[in-house]
């Protein structure tokens, strides 16, 4: 019976398999390392790209913040100019109030009444005076209601006191609040059809000019 020793052949196969395994493991390790390096490279490139985008966004946001600050400054300046314009317009419209007020006091005061004091606070005027009777005060209030420059007379107080001219005489001391008529601020013009134009309206100052002319 012939016996063949297969140990060297098996050893060679085992060593070949080991070498093959080592080669495959080294190849896989190299491939894995390359993949890791590639992944790090891709991630690094993406991170760098995102950081550049973030930097660009921060720069643009900074520019927008500066523009917003400039817009806020312009808005504040515009509001200040509008406030000054309103003050100037108010002064221009109210510069003749004192003249018209004194003129109306002279025109509307009935006989038997004379004023002790006259105080103005904005559009409100407080009259303090003496009247021979309460009927004279009622006449004064009716005259004020019909005035083109005065309105809303409100009797605050009326009482009988000694006359400042003679202590033997009794007169009625009264306190009266009156409002000055002021033109309303102009409204924004509204678009109207061409076939139906908006008619012009007259305002209180037009009446005042007529009264001044007389």
C-alpha atoms as a PDB file:
ATOM      1  CA  UNK A   1       0.000   0.000   0.000  1.00  0.00           C
ATOM      2  CA  UNK A   2       1.411   3.322  -1.102  1.00  0.00           C
ATOM      3  CA  UNK A   3       1.313   6.163   1.403  1.00  0.00           C
ATOM      4  CA  UNK A   4       1.575   9.794   0.281  1.00  0.00           C
ATOM      5  CA  UNK A   5       2.554  12.486   2.738  1.00  0.00           C
ATOM      6  CA  UNK A   6       0.241  15.450   2.126  1.00  0.00           C
ATOM      7  CA  UNK A   7       1.470  17.600   5.029  1.00  0.00           C
ATOM      8  CA  UNK A   8       3.751  19.881   2.951  1.00  0.00           C
ATOM      9  CA  UNK A   9       1.013  20.425   0.421  1.00  0.00           C
ATOM     10  CA  UNK A  10      -1.517  21.325   3.115  1.00  0.00           C
ATOM     11  CA  UNK A  11       1.038  23.570   4.755  1.00  0.00           C
ATOM     12  CA  UNK A  12       1.609  25.331   1.490  1.00  0.00           C
ATOM     13  CA  UNK A  13      -2.145  25.811   1.001  1.00  0.00           C
ATOM     14  CA  UNK A  14      -2.511  27.069   4.537  1.00  0.00           C
ATOM     15  CA  UNK A  15       0.339  29.531   4.053  1.00  0.00           C
ATOM     16  CA  UNK A  16      -1.115  30.582   0.713  1.00  0.00           C
ATOM     17  CA  UNK A  17      -4.483  31.201   2.353  1.00  0.00           C
ATOM     18  CA  UNK A  18      -2.787  33.180   5.113  1.00  0.00           C
ATOM     19  CA  UNK A  19      -0.901  35.269   2.576  1.00  0.00           C
ATOM     20  CA  UNK A  20      -4.125  35.778   0.649  1.00  0.00           C
ATOM     21  CA  UNK A  21      -5.938  36.755   3.839  1.00  0.00           C
ATOM     22  CA  UNK A  22      -3.182  39.165   4.817  1.00  0.00           C
ATOM     23  CA  UNK A  23      -3.171  40.643   1.315  1.00  0.00           C
ATOM     24  CA  UNK A  24      -6.937  41.075   1.374  1.00  0.00           C
ATOM     25  CA  UNK A  25      -6.812  42.569   4.892  1.00  0.00           C
ATOM     26  CA  UNK A  26      -4.065  44.971   3.887  1.00  0.00           C
ATOM     27  CA  UNK A  27      -5.986  45.879   0.736  1.00  0.00           C
ATOM     28  CA  UNK A  28      -9.155  46.443   2.732  1.00  0.00           C
ATOM     29  CA  UNK A  29      -7.258  48.506   5.278  1.00  0.00           C
ATOM     30  CA  UNK A  30      -5.749  50.621   2.519  1.00  0.00           C
ATOM     31  CA  UNK A  31      -9.135  51.029   0.870  1.00  0.00           C
ATOM     32  CA  UNK A  32     -10.685  51.866   4.249  1.00  0.00           C
ATOM     33  CA  UNK A  33      -7.969  54.404   4.940  1.00  0.00           C
ATOM     34  CA  UNK A  34      -8.448  55.938   1.511  1.00  0.00           C
ATOM     35  CA  UNK A  35     -12.213  56.106   2.078  1.00  0.00           C
ATOM     36  CA  UNK A  36     -11.683  57.725   5.475  1.00  0.00           C
ATOM     37  CA  UNK A  37      -9.271  60.246   3.992  1.00  0.00           C
ATOM     38  CA  UNK A  38     -11.678  60.872   1.148  1.00  0.00           C
ATOM     39  CA  UNK A  39     -14.551  61.318   3.610  1.00  0.00           C
ATOM     40  CA  UNK A  40     -12.496  63.747   5.703  1.00  0.00           C
ATOM     41  CA  UNK A  41     -11.565  65.622   2.564  1.00  0.00           C
ATOM     42  CA  UNK A  42     -15.169  65.853   1.398  1.00  0.00           C
ATOM     43  CA  UNK A  43     -16.362  66.905   4.858  1.00  0.00           C
ATOM     44  CA  UNK A  44     -13.548  69.427   5.138  1.00  0.00           C
ATOM     45  CA  UNK A  45     -14.427  70.885   1.749  1.00  0.00           C
ATOM     46  CA  UNK A  46     -18.110  71.093   2.697  1.00  0.00           C
ATOM     47  CA  UNK A  47     -17.257  72.677   6.039  1.00  0.00           C
ATOM     48  CA  UNK A  48     -15.002  75.204   4.350  1.00  0.00           C
ATOM     49  CA  UNK A  49     -17.690  75.982   1.803  1.00  0.00           C
ATOM     50  CA  UNK A  50     -20.285  76.404   4.541  1.00  0.00           C
ATOM     51  CA  UNK A  51     -17.953  78.617   6.549  1.00  0.00           C
ATOM     52  CA  UNK A  52     -17.366  80.806   3.498  1.00  0.00           C
ATOM     53  CA  UNK A  53     -21.122  81.021   3.011  1.00  0.00           C
ATOM     54  CA  UNK A  54     -21.583  81.904   6.682  1.00  0.00           C
ATOM     55  CA  UNK A  55     -18.917  84.570   6.348  1.00  0.00           C
ATOM     56  CA  UNK A  56     -20.661  85.983   3.286  1.00  0.00           C
ATOM     57  CA  UNK A  57     -23.994  85.951   5.116  1.00  0.00           C
ATOM     58  CA  UNK A  58     -22.457  87.749   8.104  1.00  0.00           C
ATOM     59  CA  UNK A  59     -20.971  90.366   5.793  1.00  0.00           C
ATOM     60  CA  UNK A  60     -24.288  90.919   4.023  1.00  0.00           C
ATOM     61  CA  UNK A  61     -26.150  91.006   7.343  1.00  0.00           C
ATOM     62  CA  UNK A  62     -23.701  93.649   8.566  1.00  0.00           C
ATOM     63  CA  UNK A  63     -24.352  95.700   5.430  1.00  0.00           C
ATOM     64  CA  UNK A  64     -28.108  95.350   5.940  1.00  0.00           C
ATOM     65  CA  UNK A  65     -27.768  96.428   9.570  1.00  0.00           C
ATOM     66  CA  UNK A  66     -25.907  99.549   8.445  1.00  0.00           C
ATOM     67  CA  UNK A  67     -28.580 100.265   5.854  1.00  0.00           C
ATOM     68  CA  UNK A  68     -31.312  99.764   8.467  1.00  0.00           C
ATOM     69  CA  UNK A  69     -29.524 102.219  10.775  1.00  0.00           C
ATOM     70  CA  UNK A  70     -29.323 104.757   7.947  1.00  0.00           C
ATOM     71  CA  UNK A  71     -33.010 104.230   7.178  1.00  0.00           C
ATOM     72  CA  UNK A  72     -33.876 104.746  10.861  1.00  0.00           C
ATOM     73  CA  UNK A  73     -31.835 107.958  10.898  1.00  0.00           C
ATOM     74  CA  UNK A  74     -33.577 109.180   7.742  1.00  0.00           C
ATOM     75  CA  UNK A  75     -36.930 108.273   9.254  1.00  0.00           C
ATOM     76  CA  UNK A  76     -36.132 110.209  12.423  1.00  0.00           C
ATOM     77  CA  UNK A  77     -34.995 113.184  10.365  1.00  0.00           C
ATOM     78  CA  UNK A  78     -38.174 112.970   8.301  1.00  0.00           C
ATOM     79  CA  UNK A  79     -40.316 112.868  11.434  1.00  0.00           C
ATOM     80  CA  UNK A  80     -38.430 115.842  12.867  1.00  0.00           C
ATOM     81  CA  UNK A  81     -38.907 117.798   9.635  1.00  0.00           C
ATOM     82  CA  UNK A  82     -42.605 116.923   9.563  1.00  0.00           C
ATOM     83  CA  UNK A  83     -42.953 118.037  13.188  1.00  0.00           C
ATOM     84  CA  UNK A  84     -41.217 121.323  12.394  1.00  0.00           C
ATOM     85  CA  UNK A  85     -43.407 121.767   9.345  1.00  0.00           C
ATOM     86  CA  UNK A  86     -46.503 121.157  11.462  1.00  0.00           C
ATOM     87  CA  UNK A  87     -45.316 123.698  14.022  1.00  0.00           C
ATOM     88  CA  UNK A  88     -44.633 126.274  11.311  1.00  0.00           C
ATOM     89  CA  UNK A  89     -48.042 125.650   9.724  1.00  0.00           C
ATOM     90  CA  UNK A  90     -49.700 125.948  13.133  1.00  0.00           C
ATOM     91  CA  UNK A  91     -47.887 129.200  13.850  1.00  0.00           C
ATOM     92  CA  UNK A  92     -48.817 130.565  10.436  1.00  0.00           C
ATOM     93  CA  UNK A  93     -52.462 129.634  10.885  1.00  0.00           C
ATOM     94  CA  UNK A  94     -52.622 130.879  14.492  1.00  0.00           C
ATOM     95  CA  UNK A  95     -50.550 134.060  14.231  1.00  0.00           C
ATOM     96  CA  UNK A  96     -53.669 136.201  13.735  1.00  0.00           C
ATOM     97  CA  UNK A  97     -55.690 134.513  16.499  1.00  0.00           C
ATOM     98  CA  UNK A  98     -54.968 137.203  19.078  1.00  0.00           C
ATOM     99  CA  UNK A  99     -56.052 139.924  16.675  1.00  0.00           C
ATOM    100  CA  UNK A 100     -59.258 138.120  15.732  1.00  0.00           C
ATOM    101  CA  UNK A 101     -59.955 137.273  19.378  1.00  0.00           C
ATOM    102  CA  UNK A 102     -59.686 140.885  20.528  1.00  0.00           C
ATOM    103  CA  UNK A 103     -61.670 142.031  17.513  1.00  0.00           C
ATOM    104  CA  UNK A 104     -64.459 139.556  18.324  1.00  0.00           C
ATOM    105  CA  UNK A 105     -64.489 140.561  21.980  1.00  0.00           C
ATOM    106  CA  UNK A 106     -65.074 144.139  20.934  1.00  0.00           C
ATOM    107  CA  UNK A 107     -67.751 143.125  18.429  1.00  0.00           C
ATOM    108  CA  UNK A 108     -69.606 140.526  20.533  1.00  0.00           C
ATOM    109  CA  UNK A 109     -69.630 142.170  23.966  1.00  0.00           C
ATOM    110  CA  UNK A 110     -73.097 143.620  24.578  1.00  0.00           C
ATOM    111  CA  UNK A 111     -73.731 146.817  26.511  1.00  0.00           C
ATOM    112  CA  UNK A 112     -73.644 146.410  30.273  1.00  0.00           C
ATOM    113  CA  UNK A 113     -70.684 143.962  30.265  1.00  0.00           C
ATOM    114  CA  UNK A 114     -66.998 144.654  30.672  1.00  0.00           C
ATOM    115  CA  UNK A 115     -64.184 142.179  31.024  1.00  0.00           C
ATOM    116  CA  UNK A 116     -61.882 141.851  33.998  1.00  0.00           C
ATOM    117  CA  UNK A 117     -59.433 139.357  32.465  1.00  0.00           C
ATOM    118  CA  UNK A 118     -58.965 137.252  29.357  1.00  0.00           C
ATOM    119  CA  UNK A 119     -56.685 134.195  29.301  1.00  0.00           C
ATOM    120  CA  UNK A 120     -55.929 131.920  26.375  1.00  0.00           C
ATOM    121  CA  UNK A 121     -54.523 128.365  26.616  1.00  0.00           C
ATOM    122  CA  UNK A 122     -54.369 126.823  23.157  1.00  0.00           C
ATOM    123  CA  UNK A 123     -57.839 127.048  21.655  1.00  0.00           C
ATOM    124  CA  UNK A 124     -59.480 127.626  25.042  1.00  0.00           C
ATOM    125  CA  UNK A 125     -60.197 131.169  26.228  1.00  0.00           C
ATOM    126  CA  UNK A 126     -61.359 131.998  29.753  1.00  0.00           C
ATOM    127  CA  UNK A 127     -63.276 135.239  30.202  1.00  0.00           C
ATOM    128  CA  UNK A 128     -63.846 136.833  33.601  1.00  0.00           C
ATOM    129  CA  UNK A 129     -65.954 139.949  33.769  1.00  0.00           C
ATOM    130  CA  UNK A 130     -68.842 141.853  35.260  1.00  0.00           C
ATOM    131  CA  UNK A 131     -72.420 142.139  33.949  1.00  0.00           C
ATOM    132  CA  UNK A 132     -75.326 144.283  35.041  1.00  0.00           C
ATOM    133  CA  UNK A 133     -77.587 141.208  34.877  1.00  0.00           C
ATOM    134  CA  UNK A 134     -77.533 137.511  33.991  1.00  0.00           C
ATOM    135  CA  UNK A 135     -79.495 138.348  30.836  1.00  0.00           C
ATOM    136  CA  UNK A 136     -76.451 140.275  29.575  1.00  0.00           C
ATOM    137  CA  UNK A 137     -74.348 137.132  30.026  1.00  0.00           C
ATOM    138  CA  UNK A 138     -76.907 135.112  28.046  1.00  0.00           C
ATOM    139  CA  UNK A 139     -76.738 137.701  25.276  1.00  0.00           C
ATOM    140  CA  UNK A 140     -72.951 137.418  25.245  1.00  0.00           C
ATOM    141  CA  UNK A 141     -73.173 133.635  24.927  1.00  0.00           C
ATOM    142  CA  UNK A 142     -75.611 133.930  22.009  1.00  0.00           C
ATOM    143  CA  UNK A 143     -73.309 136.419  20.291  1.00  0.00           C
ATOM    144  CA  UNK A 144     -70.372 134.042  20.710  1.00  0.00           C
ATOM    145  CA  UNK A 145     -72.376 131.180  19.199  1.00  0.00           C
ATOM    146  CA  UNK A 146     -73.025 133.373  16.140  1.00  0.00           C
ATOM    147  CA  UNK A 147     -69.383 134.471  15.869  1.00  0.00           C
ATOM    148  CA  UNK A 148     -67.338 133.157  12.917  1.00  0.00           C
ATOM    149  CA  UNK A 149     -64.260 132.820  15.148  1.00  0.00           C
ATOM    150  CA  UNK A 150     -65.629 131.708  18.525  1.00  0.00           C
ATOM    151  CA  UNK A 151     -67.753 128.759  19.598  1.00  0.00           C
ATOM    152  CA  UNK A 152     -68.966 126.585  22.495  1.00  0.00           C
ATOM    153  CA  UNK A 153     -69.436 129.172  25.271  1.00  0.00           C
ATOM    154  CA  UNK A 154     -69.694 127.442  28.659  1.00  0.00           C
ATOM    155  CA  UNK A 155     -70.706 129.404  31.752  1.00  0.00           C
ATOM    156  CA  UNK A 156     -68.495 128.228  34.615  1.00  0.00           C
ATOM    157  CA  UNK A 157     -69.736 130.515  37.372  1.00  0.00           C
ATOM    158  CA  UNK A 158     -71.856 133.571  37.940  1.00  0.00           C
ATOM    159  CA  UNK A 159     -72.327 135.291  41.294  1.00  0.00           C
ATOM    160  CA  UNK A 160     -73.488 138.587  42.710  1.00  0.00           C
ATOM    161  CA  UNK A 161     -70.669 140.768  44.028  1.00  0.00           C
ATOM    162  CA  UNK A 162     -70.123 144.389  44.976  1.00  0.00           C
ATOM    163  CA  UNK A 163     -69.296 146.595  42.029  1.00  0.00           C
ATOM    164  CA  UNK A 164     -65.601 147.506  41.802  1.00  0.00           C
ATOM    165  CA  UNK A 165     -66.742 151.044  40.948  1.00  0.00           C
ATOM    166  CA  UNK A 166     -69.103 151.536  43.872  1.00  0.00           C
ATOM    167  CA  UNK A 167     -69.646 149.256  46.848  1.00  0.00           C
ATOM    168  CA  UNK A 168     -73.295 150.298  47.016  1.00  0.00           C
ATOM    169  CA  UNK A 169     -73.979 148.687  43.633  1.00  0.00           C
ATOM    170  CA  UNK A 170     -74.292 144.938  43.014  1.00  0.00           C
ATOM    171  CA  UNK A 171     -73.172 143.332  39.754  1.00  0.00           C
ATOM    172  CA  UNK A 172     -72.851 139.784  38.464  1.00  0.00           C
ATOM    173  CA  UNK A 173     -69.310 138.445  38.218  1.00  0.00           C
ATOM    174  CA  UNK A 174     -69.080 135.623  35.671  1.00  0.00           C
ATOM    175  CA  UNK A 175     -66.500 133.171  34.369  1.00  0.00           C
ATOM    176  CA  UNK A 176     -66.988 131.944  30.815  1.00  0.00           C
ATOM    177  CA  UNK A 177     -65.016 129.424  28.764  1.00  0.00           C
ATOM    178  CA  UNK A 178     -64.941 129.864  24.983  1.00  0.00           C
ATOM    179  CA  UNK A 179     -63.337 127.836  22.188  1.00  0.00           C
ATOM    180  CA  UNK A 180     -61.570 129.440  19.215  1.00  0.00           C
ATOM    181  CA  UNK A 181     -62.586 128.044  15.854  1.00  0.00           C
ATOM    182  CA  UNK A 182     -59.613 126.615  14.005  1.00  0.00           C
ATOM    183  CA  UNK A 183     -59.479 125.278  10.483  1.00  0.00           C
ATOM    184  CA  UNK A 184     -59.271 121.494  10.307  1.00  0.00           C
ATOM    185  CA  UNK A 185     -56.074 120.016   8.755  1.00  0.00           C
ATOM    186  CA  UNK A 186     -56.431 119.456   5.014  1.00  0.00           C
ATOM    187  CA  UNK A 187     -57.399 115.934   4.001  1.00  0.00           C
ATOM    188  CA  UNK A 188     -55.567 113.943   1.369  1.00  0.00           C
ATOM    189  CA  UNK A 189     -57.175 114.458  -2.047  1.00  0.00           C
ATOM    190  CA  UNK A 190     -59.220 111.536  -3.299  1.00  0.00           C
ATOM    191  CA  UNK A 191     -59.399 110.510  -6.917  1.00  0.00           C
ATOM    192  CA  UNK A 192     -62.709 111.474  -8.510  1.00  0.00           C
ATOM    193  CA  UNK A 193     -64.216 110.505 -11.880  1.00  0.00           C
ATOM    194  CA  UNK A 194     -63.579 112.993 -14.659  1.00  0.00           C
ATOM    195  CA  UNK A 195     -67.324 113.354 -15.352  1.00  0.00           C
ATOM    196  CA  UNK A 196     -68.051 114.321 -11.740  1.00  0.00           C
ATOM    197  CA  UNK A 197     -65.431 116.801 -10.425  1.00  0.00           C
ATOM    198  CA  UNK A 198     -65.363 117.433  -6.688  1.00  0.00           C
ATOM    199  CA  UNK A 199     -66.917 120.867  -5.899  1.00  0.00           C
ATOM    200  CA  UNK A 200     -64.814 123.336  -3.958  1.00  0.00           C
ATOM    201  CA  UNK A 201     -65.844 124.056  -0.359  1.00  0.00           C
ATOM    202  CA  UNK A 202     -65.446 127.197   1.690  1.00  0.00           C
ATOM    203  CA  UNK A 203     -63.640 127.123   5.037  1.00  0.00           C
ATOM    204  CA  UNK A 204     -63.990 129.320   8.187  1.00  0.00           C
ATOM    205  CA  UNK A 205     -60.915 131.447   7.313  1.00  0.00           C
ATOM    206  CA  UNK A 206     -62.760 132.652   4.191  1.00  0.00           C
ATOM    207  CA  UNK A 207     -65.537 133.980   6.443  1.00  0.00           C
ATOM    208  CA  UNK A 208     -62.938 135.514   8.679  1.00  0.00           C
ATOM    209  CA  UNK A 209     -61.421 137.438   5.785  1.00  0.00           C
ATOM    210  CA  UNK A 210     -64.855 138.731   4.899  1.00  0.00           C
ATOM    211  CA  UNK A 211     -65.424 139.835   8.493  1.00  0.00           C
ATOM    212  CA  UNK A 212     -62.044 141.528   8.583  1.00  0.00           C
ATOM    213  CA  UNK A 213     -62.770 143.429   5.393  1.00  0.00           C
ATOM    214  CA  UNK A 214     -65.863 144.944   7.015  1.00  0.00           C
END
